[in-house]
Amino acid sequence: MKKYLCIILLAGAVACTNSKSADPSTENAATTDNSSEQNKAIVTKFMDAELKGDTAGMSALMADNYTQYGLGVKDNADKAKTLNGVQHHWEVYK
């Protein structure tokens, strides 16, 4: 279950990264590299918090209008439901 959740989060993070192919000889190359590194750092911090059951750390990185989508049409969760699910998982499966 954790593997699938990590894969989904990583896929979401990759989808959110800047997909512009910058020419390294331009000024934008440094900005693009910096943005990519910042995105990777945020995703790593989020995944580390989730793997530790740190819902406060996860909450700090999530937008208030966060929505997690699953495979089914009605399989989605808002920020509170997602955090409650992670907390419940850690209480049950410690």
PDB file of N, CA and C in Angstrom:
ATOM      1  N   MET A   1       0.828  -1.191   0.000  1.00  0.00           N
ATOM      2  CA  MET A   1       0.000   0.000   0.000  1.00  0.00           C
ATOM      3  C   MET A   1       0.871   1.253   0.000  1.00  0.00           C
ATOM      4  N   LYS A   2       1.927   1.231   0.832  1.00  0.00           N
ATOM      5  CA  LYS A   2       2.815   2.388   0.885  1.00  0.00           C
ATOM      6  C   LYS A   2       3.512   2.602  -0.453  1.00  0.00           C
ATOM      7  N   LYS A   3       3.889   1.496  -1.103  1.00  0.00           N
ATOM      8  CA  LYS A   3       4.565   1.606  -2.390  1.00  0.00           C
ATOM      9  C   LYS A   3       3.676   2.317  -3.401  1.00  0.00           C
ATOM     10  N   TYR A   4       2.404   1.910  -3.443  1.00  0.00           N
ATOM     11  CA  TYR A   4       1.490   2.500  -4.411  1.00  0.00           C
ATOM     12  C   TYR A   4       1.259   3.973  -4.111  1.00  0.00           C
ATOM     13  N   LEU A   5       1.138   4.322  -2.829  1.00  0.00           N
ATOM     14  CA  LEU A   5       0.917   5.707  -2.449  1.00  0.00           C
ATOM     15  C   LEU A   5       2.128   6.548  -2.821  1.00  0.00           C
ATOM     16  N   CYS A   6       3.320   6.032  -2.581  1.00  0.00           N
ATOM     17  CA  CYS A   6       4.544   6.755  -2.937  1.00  0.00           C
ATOM     18  C   CYS A   6       4.647   6.936  -4.445  1.00  0.00           C
ATOM     19  N   ILE A   7       4.288   5.910  -5.192  1.00  0.00           N
ATOM     20  CA  ILE A   7       4.342   5.997  -6.648  1.00  0.00           C
ATOM     21  C   ILE A   7       3.366   7.044  -7.148  1.00  0.00           C
ATOM     22  N   ILE A   8       2.176   7.065  -6.570  1.00  0.00           N
ATOM     23  CA  ILE A   8       1.170   8.053  -6.975  1.00  0.00           C
ATOM     24  C   ILE A   8       1.640   9.461  -6.659  1.00  0.00           C
ATOM     25  N   LEU A   9       2.209   9.656  -5.461  1.00  0.00           N
ATOM     26  CA  LEU A   9       2.699  10.980  -5.093  1.00  0.00           C
ATOM     27  C   LEU A   9       3.853  11.417  -5.991  1.00  0.00           C
ATOM     28  N   LEU A  10       4.748  10.501  -6.269  1.00  0.00           N
ATOM     29  CA  LEU A  10       5.876  10.829  -7.134  1.00  0.00           C
ATOM     30  C   LEU A  10       5.400  11.159  -8.543  1.00  0.00           C
ATOM     31  N   ALA A  11       4.433  10.406  -9.050  1.00  0.00           N
ATOM     32  CA  ALA A  11       3.894  10.686 -10.384  1.00  0.00           C
ATOM     33  C   ALA A  11       3.237  12.064 -10.412  1.00  0.00           C
ATOM     34  N   GLY A  12       2.530  12.413  -9.350  1.00  0.00           N
ATOM     35  CA  GLY A  12       1.912  13.738  -9.265  1.00  0.00           C
ATOM     36  C   GLY A  12       2.943  14.841  -9.233  1.00  0.00           C
ATOM     37  N   ALA A  13       4.026  14.598  -8.501  1.00  0.00           N
ATOM     38  CA  ALA A  13       5.084  15.604  -8.422  1.00  0.00           C
ATOM     39  C   ALA A  13       5.770  15.789  -9.766  1.00  0.00           C
ATOM     40  N   VAL A  14       6.005  14.698 -10.459  1.00  0.00           N
ATOM     41  CA  VAL A  14       6.642  14.778 -11.774  1.00  0.00           C
ATOM     42  C   VAL A  14       5.728  15.520 -12.739  1.00  0.00           C
ATOM     43  N   ALA A  15       4.432  15.280 -12.640  1.00  0.00           N
ATOM     44  CA  ALA A  15       3.487  15.946 -13.530  1.00  0.00           C
ATOM     45  C   ALA A  15       3.432  17.446 -13.259  1.00  0.00           C
ATOM     46  N   CYS A  16       3.762  17.852 -12.041  1.00  0.00           N
ATOM     47  CA  CYS A  16       3.695  19.264 -11.670  1.00  0.00           C
ATOM     48  C   CYS A  16       4.990  20.015 -11.936  1.00  0.00           C
ATOM     49  N   THR A  17       6.042  19.328 -12.311  1.00  0.00           N
ATOM     50  CA  THR A  17       7.304  20.010 -12.559  1.00  0.00           C
ATOM     51  C   THR A  17       7.261  20.754 -13.876  1.00  0.00           C
ATOM     52  N   ASN A  18       8.155  21.684 -14.023  1.00  0.00           N
ATOM     53  CA  ASN A  18       8.228  22.501 -15.221  1.00  0.00           C
ATOM     54  C   ASN A  18       8.694  21.638 -16.390  1.00  0.00           C
ATOM     55  N   SER A  19       7.881  21.522 -17.422  1.00  0.00           N
ATOM     56  CA  SER A  19       8.207  20.653 -18.542  1.00  0.00           C
ATOM     57  C   SER A  19       8.862  21.402 -19.696  1.00  0.00           C
ATOM     58  N   LYS A  20       9.170  22.685 -19.537  1.00  0.00           N
ATOM     59  CA  LYS A  20       9.821  23.446 -20.609  1.00  0.00           C
ATOM     60  C   LYS A  20      11.255  22.952 -20.761  1.00  0.00           C
ATOM     61  N   SER A  21      11.661  22.759 -21.970  1.00  0.00           N
ATOM     62  CA  SER A  21      13.044  22.359 -22.205  1.00  0.00           C
ATOM     63  C   SER A  21      13.856  23.622 -22.436  1.00  0.00           C
ATOM     64  N   ALA A  22      14.581  24.043 -21.416  1.00  0.00           N
ATOM     65  CA  ALA A  22      15.347  25.278 -21.483  1.00  0.00           C
ATOM     66  C   ALA A  22      16.698  25.032 -22.135  1.00  0.00           C
ATOM     67  N   ASP A  23      17.113  25.977 -22.919  1.00  0.00           N
ATOM     68  CA  ASP A  23      18.437  25.928 -23.525  1.00  0.00           C
ATOM     69  C   ASP A  23      19.445  26.313 -22.442  1.00  0.00           C
ATOM     70  N   PRO A  24      20.418  25.459 -22.153  1.00  0.00           N
ATOM     71  CA  PRO A  24      21.373  25.751 -21.081  1.00  0.00           C
ATOM     72  C   PRO A  24      22.140  27.051 -21.275  1.00  0.00           C
ATOM     73  N   SER A  25      22.171  27.569 -22.480  1.00  0.00           N
ATOM     74  CA  SER A  25      22.921  28.797 -22.720  1.00  0.00           C
ATOM     75  C   SER A  25      22.117  30.051 -22.402  1.00  0.00           C
ATOM     76  N   THR A  26      20.874  29.896 -22.005  1.00  0.00           N
ATOM     77  CA  THR A  26      20.045  31.059 -21.700  1.00  0.00           C
ATOM     78  C   THR A  26      20.006  31.313 -20.208  1.00  0.00           C
ATOM     79  N   GLU A  27      19.478  32.470 -19.846  1.00  0.00           N
ATOM     80  CA  GLU A  27      19.368  32.842 -18.437  1.00  0.00           C
ATOM     81  C   GLU A  27      18.350  31.980 -17.706  1.00  0.00           C
ATOM     82  N   ASN A  28      17.346  31.467 -18.410  1.00  0.00           N
ATOM     83  CA  ASN A  28      16.281  30.690 -17.788  1.00  0.00           C
ATOM     84  C   ASN A  28      16.737  29.318 -17.317  1.00  0.00           C
ATOM     85  N   ALA A  29      17.870  28.841 -17.773  1.00  0.00           N
ATOM     86  CA  ALA A  29      18.339  27.508 -17.399  1.00  0.00           C
ATOM     87  C   ALA A  29      18.542  27.405 -15.899  1.00  0.00           C
ATOM     88  N   ALA A  30      19.157  28.409 -15.298  1.00  0.00           N
ATOM     89  CA  ALA A  30      19.392  28.387 -13.851  1.00  0.00           C
ATOM     90  C   ALA A  30      18.078  28.430 -13.096  1.00  0.00           C
ATOM     91  N   THR A  31      17.134  29.216 -13.568  1.00  0.00           N
ATOM     92  CA  THR A  31      15.830  29.315 -12.913  1.00  0.00           C
ATOM     93  C   THR A  31      15.093  27.987 -12.996  1.00  0.00           C
ATOM     94  N   THR A  32      15.118  27.351 -14.156  1.00  0.00           N
ATOM     95  CA  THR A  32      14.449  26.068 -14.332  1.00  0.00           C
ATOM     96  C   THR A  32      15.071  25.014 -13.432  1.00  0.00           C
ATOM     97  N   ASP A  33      16.391  24.958 -13.389  1.00  0.00           N
ATOM     98  CA  ASP A  33      17.073  23.992 -12.525  1.00  0.00           C
ATOM     99  C   ASP A  33      16.731  24.243 -11.068  1.00  0.00           C
ATOM    100  N   ASN A  34      16.685  25.499 -10.663  1.00  0.00           N
ATOM    101  CA  ASN A  34      16.361  25.854  -9.291  1.00  0.00           C
ATOM    102  C   ASN A  34      14.932  25.449  -8.955  1.00  0.00           C
ATOM    103  N   SER A  35      14.000  25.686  -9.872  1.00  0.00           N
ATOM    104  CA  SER A  35      12.605  25.309  -9.646  1.00  0.00           C
ATOM    105  C   SER A  35      12.470  23.799  -9.519  1.00  0.00           C
ATOM    106  N   SER A  36      13.170  23.076 -10.366  1.00  0.00           N
ATOM    107  CA  SER A  36      13.127  21.614 -10.305  1.00  0.00           C
ATOM    108  C   SER A  36      13.656  21.108  -8.979  1.00  0.00           C
ATOM    109  N   GLU A  37      14.743  21.675  -8.532  1.00  0.00           N
ATOM    110  CA  GLU A  37      15.321  21.255  -7.247  1.00  0.00           C
ATOM    111  C   GLU A  37      14.387  21.601  -6.090  1.00  0.00           C
ATOM    112  N   GLN A  38      13.749  22.759  -6.156  1.00  0.00           N
ATOM    113  CA  GLN A  38      12.793  23.135  -5.116  1.00  0.00           C
ATOM    114  C   GLN A  38      11.607  22.181  -5.110  1.00  0.00           C
ATOM    115  N   ASN A  39      11.102  21.829  -6.293  1.00  0.00           N
ATOM    116  CA  ASN A  39       9.982  20.889  -6.381  1.00  0.00           C
ATOM    117  C   ASN A  39      10.371  19.534  -5.808  1.00  0.00           C
ATOM    118  N   LYS A  40      11.554  19.064  -6.149  1.00  0.00           N
ATOM    119  CA  LYS A  40      12.026  17.777  -5.637  1.00  0.00           C
ATOM    120  C   LYS A  40      12.152  17.815  -4.116  1.00  0.00           C
ATOM    121  N   ALA A  41      12.643  18.921  -3.584  1.00  0.00           N
ATOM    122  CA  ALA A  41      12.801  19.048  -2.132  1.00  0.00           C
ATOM    123  C   ALA A  41      11.446  19.017  -1.432  1.00  0.00           C
ATOM    124  N   ILE A  42      10.451  19.671  -2.011  1.00  0.00           N
ATOM    125  CA  ILE A  42       9.109  19.688  -1.422  1.00  0.00           C
ATOM    126  C   ILE A  42       8.503  18.288  -1.454  1.00  0.00           C
ATOM    127  N   VAL A  43       8.634  17.607  -2.581  1.00  0.00           N
ATOM    128  CA  VAL A  43       8.089  16.247  -2.701  1.00  0.00           C
ATOM    129  C   VAL A  43       8.780  15.312  -1.716  1.00  0.00           C
ATOM    130  N   THR A  44      10.097  15.430  -1.607  1.00  0.00           N
ATOM    131  CA  THR A  44      10.845  14.589  -0.666  1.00  0.00           C
ATOM    132  C   THR A  44      10.399  14.849   0.765  1.00  0.00           C
ATOM    133  N   LYS A  45      10.227  16.117   1.112  1.00  0.00           N
ATOM    134  CA  LYS A  45       9.785  16.467   2.457  1.00  0.00           C
ATOM    135  C   LYS A  45       8.390  15.903   2.734  1.00  0.00           C
ATOM    136  N   PHE A  46       7.495  16.005   1.743  1.00  0.00           N
ATOM    137  CA  PHE A  46       6.131  15.490   1.890  1.00  0.00           C
ATOM    138  C   PHE A  46       6.139  13.970   2.051  1.00  0.00           C
ATOM    139  N   MET A  47       6.900  13.287   1.201  1.00  0.00           N
ATOM    140  CA  MET A  47       6.938  11.832   1.270  1.00  0.00           C
ATOM    141  C   MET A  47       7.567  11.349   2.575  1.00  0.00           C
ATOM    142  N   ASP A  48       8.608  12.025   3.032  1.00  0.00           N
ATOM    143  CA  ASP A  48       9.217  11.671   4.320  1.00  0.00           C
ATOM    144  C   ASP A  48       8.213  11.841   5.459  1.00  0.00           C
ATOM    145  N   ALA A  49       7.457  12.935   5.427  1.00  0.00           N
ATOM    146  CA  ALA A  49       6.448  13.169   6.457  1.00  0.00           C
ATOM    147  C   ALA A  49       5.380  12.083   6.417  1.00  0.00           C
ATOM    148  N   GLU A  50       4.945  11.708   5.226  1.00  0.00           N
ATOM    149  CA  GLU A  50       3.915  10.672   5.118  1.00  0.00           C
ATOM    150  C   GLU A  50       4.438   9.320   5.601  1.00  0.00           C
ATOM    151  N   LEU A  51       5.657   8.987   5.233  1.00  0.00           N
ATOM    152  CA  LEU A  51       6.226   7.699   5.643  1.00  0.00           C
ATOM    153  C   LEU A  51       6.476   7.624   7.145  1.00  0.00           C
ATOM    154  N   LYS A  52       6.534   8.773   7.810  1.00  0.00           N
ATOM    155  CA  LYS A  52       6.710   8.814   9.263  1.00  0.00           C
ATOM    156  C   LYS A  52       5.383   9.019   9.989  1.00  0.00           C
ATOM    157  N   GLY A  53       4.320   9.246   9.242  1.00  0.00           N
ATOM    158  CA  GLY A  53       3.018   9.502   9.856  1.00  0.00           C
ATOM    159  C   GLY A  53       2.910  10.906  10.425  1.00  0.00           C
ATOM    160  N   ASP A  54       3.715  11.823   9.930  1.00  0.00           N
ATOM    161  CA  ASP A  54       3.758  13.212  10.412  1.00  0.00           C
ATOM    162  C   ASP A  54       2.701  14.031   9.675  1.00  0.00           C
ATOM    163  N   THR A  55       1.474  13.992  10.194  1.00  0.00           N
ATOM    164  CA  THR A  55       0.381  14.693   9.516  1.00  0.00           C
ATOM    165  C   THR A  55       0.542  16.211   9.607  1.00  0.00           C
ATOM    166  N   ALA A  56       1.187  16.704  10.656  1.00  0.00           N
ATOM    167  CA  ALA A  56       1.418  18.151  10.759  1.00  0.00           C
ATOM    168  C   ALA A  56       2.381  18.606   9.660  1.00  0.00           C
ATOM    169  N   GLY A  57       3.413  17.815   9.421  1.00  0.00           N
ATOM    170  CA  GLY A  57       4.354  18.142   8.346  1.00  0.00           C
ATOM    171  C   GLY A  57       3.698  18.070   6.986  1.00  0.00           C
ATOM    172  N   MET A  58       2.839  17.075   6.793  1.00  0.00           N
ATOM    173  CA  MET A  58       2.118  16.959   5.524  1.00  0.00           C
ATOM    174  C   MET A  58       1.181  18.141   5.336  1.00  0.00           C
ATOM    175  N   SER A  59       0.465  18.494   6.389  1.00  0.00           N
ATOM    176  CA  SER A  59      -0.505  19.582   6.322  1.00  0.00           C
ATOM    177  C   SER A  59       0.158  20.897   5.930  1.00  0.00           C
ATOM    178  N   ALA A  60       1.364  21.119   6.445  1.00  0.00           N
ATOM    179  CA  ALA A  60       2.083  22.355   6.132  1.00  0.00           C
ATOM    180  C   ALA A  60       2.426  22.454   4.646  1.00  0.00           C
ATOM    181  N   LEU A  61       2.539  21.323   3.976  1.00  0.00           N
ATOM    182  CA  LEU A  61       2.906  21.313   2.560  1.00  0.00           C
ATOM    183  C   LEU A  61       1.706  21.203   1.624  1.00  0.00           C
ATOM    184  N   MET A  62       0.515  21.045   2.183  1.00  0.00           N
ATOM    185  CA  MET A  62      -0.690  20.876   1.371  1.00  0.00           C
ATOM    186  C   MET A  62      -1.478  22.185   1.308  1.00  0.00           C
ATOM    187  N   ALA A  63      -2.036  22.474   0.153  1.00  0.00           N
ATOM    188  CA  ALA A  63      -2.908  23.642   0.008  1.00  0.00           C
ATOM    189  C   ALA A  63      -4.225  23.384   0.732  1.00  0.00           C
ATOM    190  N   ASP A  64      -4.905  24.451   1.136  1.00  0.00           N
ATOM    191  CA  ASP A  64      -6.182  24.293   1.826  1.00  0.00           C
ATOM    192  C   ASP A  64      -7.232  23.636   0.932  1.00  0.00           C
ATOM    193  N   ASN A  65      -7.136  23.841  -0.375  1.00  0.00           N
ATOM    194  CA  ASN A  65      -8.101  23.249  -1.310  1.00  0.00           C
ATOM    195  C   ASN A  65      -7.547  21.959  -1.934  1.00  0.00           C
ATOM    196  N   TYR A  66      -6.638  21.290  -1.256  1.00  0.00           N
ATOM    197  CA  TYR A  66      -6.028  20.042  -1.723  1.00  0.00           C
ATOM    198  C   TYR A  66      -7.106  18.996  -2.004  1.00  0.00           C
ATOM    199  N   THR A  67      -6.983  18.318  -3.130  1.00  0.00           N
ATOM    200  CA  THR A  67      -7.862  17.211  -3.465  1.00  0.00           C
ATOM    201  C   THR A  67      -7.006  16.073  -3.997  1.00  0.00           C
ATOM    202  N   GLN A  68      -7.213  14.898  -3.414  1.00  0.00           N
ATOM    203  CA  GLN A  68      -6.514  13.694  -3.854  1.00  0.00           C
ATOM    204  C   GLN A  68      -7.499  12.870  -4.654  1.00  0.00           C
ATOM    205  N   TYR A  69      -7.110  12.488  -5.856  1.00  0.00           N
ATOM    206  CA  TYR A  69      -7.985  11.710  -6.719  1.00  0.00           C
ATOM    207  C   TYR A  69      -7.520  10.266  -6.763  1.00  0.00           C
ATOM    208  N   GLY A  70      -8.484   9.356  -6.698  1.00  0.00           N
ATOM    209  CA  GLY A  70      -8.184   7.938  -6.790  1.00  0.00           C
ATOM    210  C   GLY A  70      -8.584   7.400  -8.145  1.00  0.00           C
ATOM    211  N   LEU A  71      -8.674   6.098  -8.221  1.00  0.00           N
ATOM    212  CA  LEU A  71      -8.987   5.460  -9.496  1.00  0.00           C
ATOM    213  C   LEU A  71     -10.467   5.519  -9.845  1.00  0.00           C
ATOM    214  N   GLY A  72     -11.338   5.534  -8.841  1.00  0.00           N
ATOM    215  CA  GLY A  72     -12.770   5.555  -9.091  1.00  0.00           C
ATOM    216  C   GLY A  72     -13.297   6.967  -9.275  1.00  0.00           C
ATOM    217  N   VAL A  73     -14.500   7.056  -9.824  1.00  0.00           N
ATOM    218  CA  VAL A  73     -15.116   8.358 -10.068  1.00  0.00           C
ATOM    219  C   VAL A  73     -15.316   9.127  -8.763  1.00  0.00           C
ATOM    220  N   LYS A  74     -15.745   8.424  -7.720  1.00  0.00           N
ATOM    221  CA  LYS A  74     -16.005   9.075  -6.434  1.00  0.00           C
ATOM    222  C   LYS A  74     -14.877   8.821  -5.434  1.00  0.00           C
ATOM    223  N   ASP A  75     -13.760   8.352  -5.921  1.00  0.00           N
ATOM    224  CA  ASP A  75     -12.634   8.013  -5.057  1.00  0.00           C
ATOM    225  C   ASP A  75     -11.692   9.207  -4.936  1.00  0.00           C
ATOM    226  N   ASN A  76     -12.144  10.224  -4.183  1.00  0.00           N
ATOM    227  CA  ASN A  76     -11.289  11.376  -3.949  1.00  0.00           C
ATOM    228  C   ASN A  76     -11.403  11.807  -2.487  1.00  0.00           C
ATOM    229  N   ALA A  77     -10.456  12.612  -2.063  1.00  0.00           N
ATOM    230  CA  ALA A  77     -10.435  13.053  -0.670  1.00  0.00           C
ATOM    231  C   ALA A  77      -9.905  14.477  -0.605  1.00  0.00           C
ATOM    232  N   ASP A  78     -10.445  15.244   0.326  1.00  0.00           N
ATOM    233  CA  ASP A  78      -9.923  16.582   0.541  1.00  0.00           C
ATOM    234  C   ASP A  78      -8.760  16.506   1.542  1.00  0.00           C
ATOM    235  N   LYS A  79      -8.242  17.643   1.920  1.00  0.00           N
ATOM    236  CA  LYS A  79      -7.082  17.704   2.813  1.00  0.00           C
ATOM    237  C   LYS A  79      -7.355  17.003   4.139  1.00  0.00           C
ATOM    238  N   ALA A  80      -8.472  17.321   4.775  1.00  0.00           N
ATOM    239  CA  ALA A  80      -8.791  16.740   6.085  1.00  0.00           C
ATOM    240  C   ALA A  80      -8.952  15.222   6.000  1.00  0.00           C
ATOM    241  N   LYS A  81      -9.666  14.753   4.989  1.00  0.00           N
ATOM    242  CA  LYS A  81      -9.883  13.308   4.840  1.00  0.00           C
ATOM    243  C   LYS A  81      -8.562  12.583   4.581  1.00  0.00           C
ATOM    244  N   THR A  82      -7.697  13.177   3.783  1.00  0.00           N
ATOM    245  CA  THR A  82      -6.395  12.577   3.509  1.00  0.00           C
ATOM    246  C   THR A  82      -5.557  12.488   4.778  1.00  0.00           C
ATOM    247  N   LEU A  83      -5.500  13.577   5.532  1.00  0.00           N
ATOM    248  CA  LEU A  83      -4.709  13.579   6.767  1.00  0.00           C
ATOM    249  C   LEU A  83      -5.285  12.615   7.801  1.00  0.00           C
ATOM    250  N   ASN A  84      -6.609  12.551   7.893  1.00  0.00           N
ATOM    251  CA  ASN A  84      -7.242  11.596   8.808  1.00  0.00           C
ATOM    252  C   ASN A  84      -6.931  10.159   8.400  1.00  0.00           C
ATOM    253  N   GLY A  85      -6.918   9.904   7.101  1.00  0.00           N
ATOM    254  CA  GLY A  85      -6.588   8.570   6.610  1.00  0.00           C
ATOM    255  C   GLY A  85      -5.165   8.164   6.952  1.00  0.00           C
ATOM    256  N   VAL A  86      -4.235   9.081   6.810  1.00  0.00           N
ATOM    257  CA  VAL A  86      -2.837   8.793   7.148  1.00  0.00           C
ATOM    258  C   VAL A  86      -2.702   8.572   8.651  1.00  0.00           C
ATOM    259  N   GLN A  87      -3.352   9.425   9.433  1.00  0.00           N
ATOM    260  CA  GLN A  87      -3.284   9.278  10.892  1.00  0.00           C
ATOM    261  C   GLN A  87      -3.884   7.940  11.324  1.00  0.00           C
ATOM    262  N   HIS A  88      -5.022   7.586  10.758  1.00  0.00           N
ATOM    263  CA  HIS A  88      -5.666   6.313  11.081  1.00  0.00           C
ATOM    264  C   HIS A  88      -4.756   5.146  10.706  1.00  0.00           C
ATOM    265  N   HIS A  89      -4.132   5.219   9.544  1.00  0.00           N
ATOM    266  CA  HIS A  89      -3.219   4.167   9.094  1.00  0.00           C
ATOM    267  C   HIS A  89      -2.104   3.971  10.111  1.00  0.00           C
ATOM    268  N   TRP A  90      -1.534   5.054  10.597  1.00  0.00           N
ATOM    269  CA  TRP A  90      -0.411   4.928  11.546  1.00  0.00           C
ATOM    270  C   TRP A  90      -0.876   4.448  12.903  1.00  0.00           C
ATOM    271  N   GLU A  91      -2.109   4.762  13.287  1.00  0.00           N
ATOM    272  CA  GLU A  91      -2.627   4.255  14.582  1.00  0.00           C
ATOM    273  C   GLU A  91      -2.886   2.761  14.504  1.00  0.00           C
ATOM    274  N   VAL A  92      -3.361   2.291  13.381  1.00  0.00           N
ATOM    275  CA  VAL A  92      -3.731   0.878  13.234  1.00  0.00           C
ATOM    276  C   VAL A  92      -2.533   0.012  12.922  1.00  0.00           C
ATOM    277  N   TYR A  93      -1.625   0.485  12.072  1.00  0.00           N
ATOM    278  CA  TYR A  93      -0.551  -0.366  11.556  1.00  0.00           C
ATOM    279  C   TYR A  93       0.840  -0.031  12.086  1.00  0.00           C
ATOM    280  N   LYS A  94       0.938   0.508  13.279  1.00  0.00           N
ATOM    281  CA  LYS A  94       2.260   0.830  13.845  1.00  0.00           C
ATOM    282  C   LYS A  94       3.117  -0.389  13.980  1.00  0.00           C
TER     283      LYS A  94
END
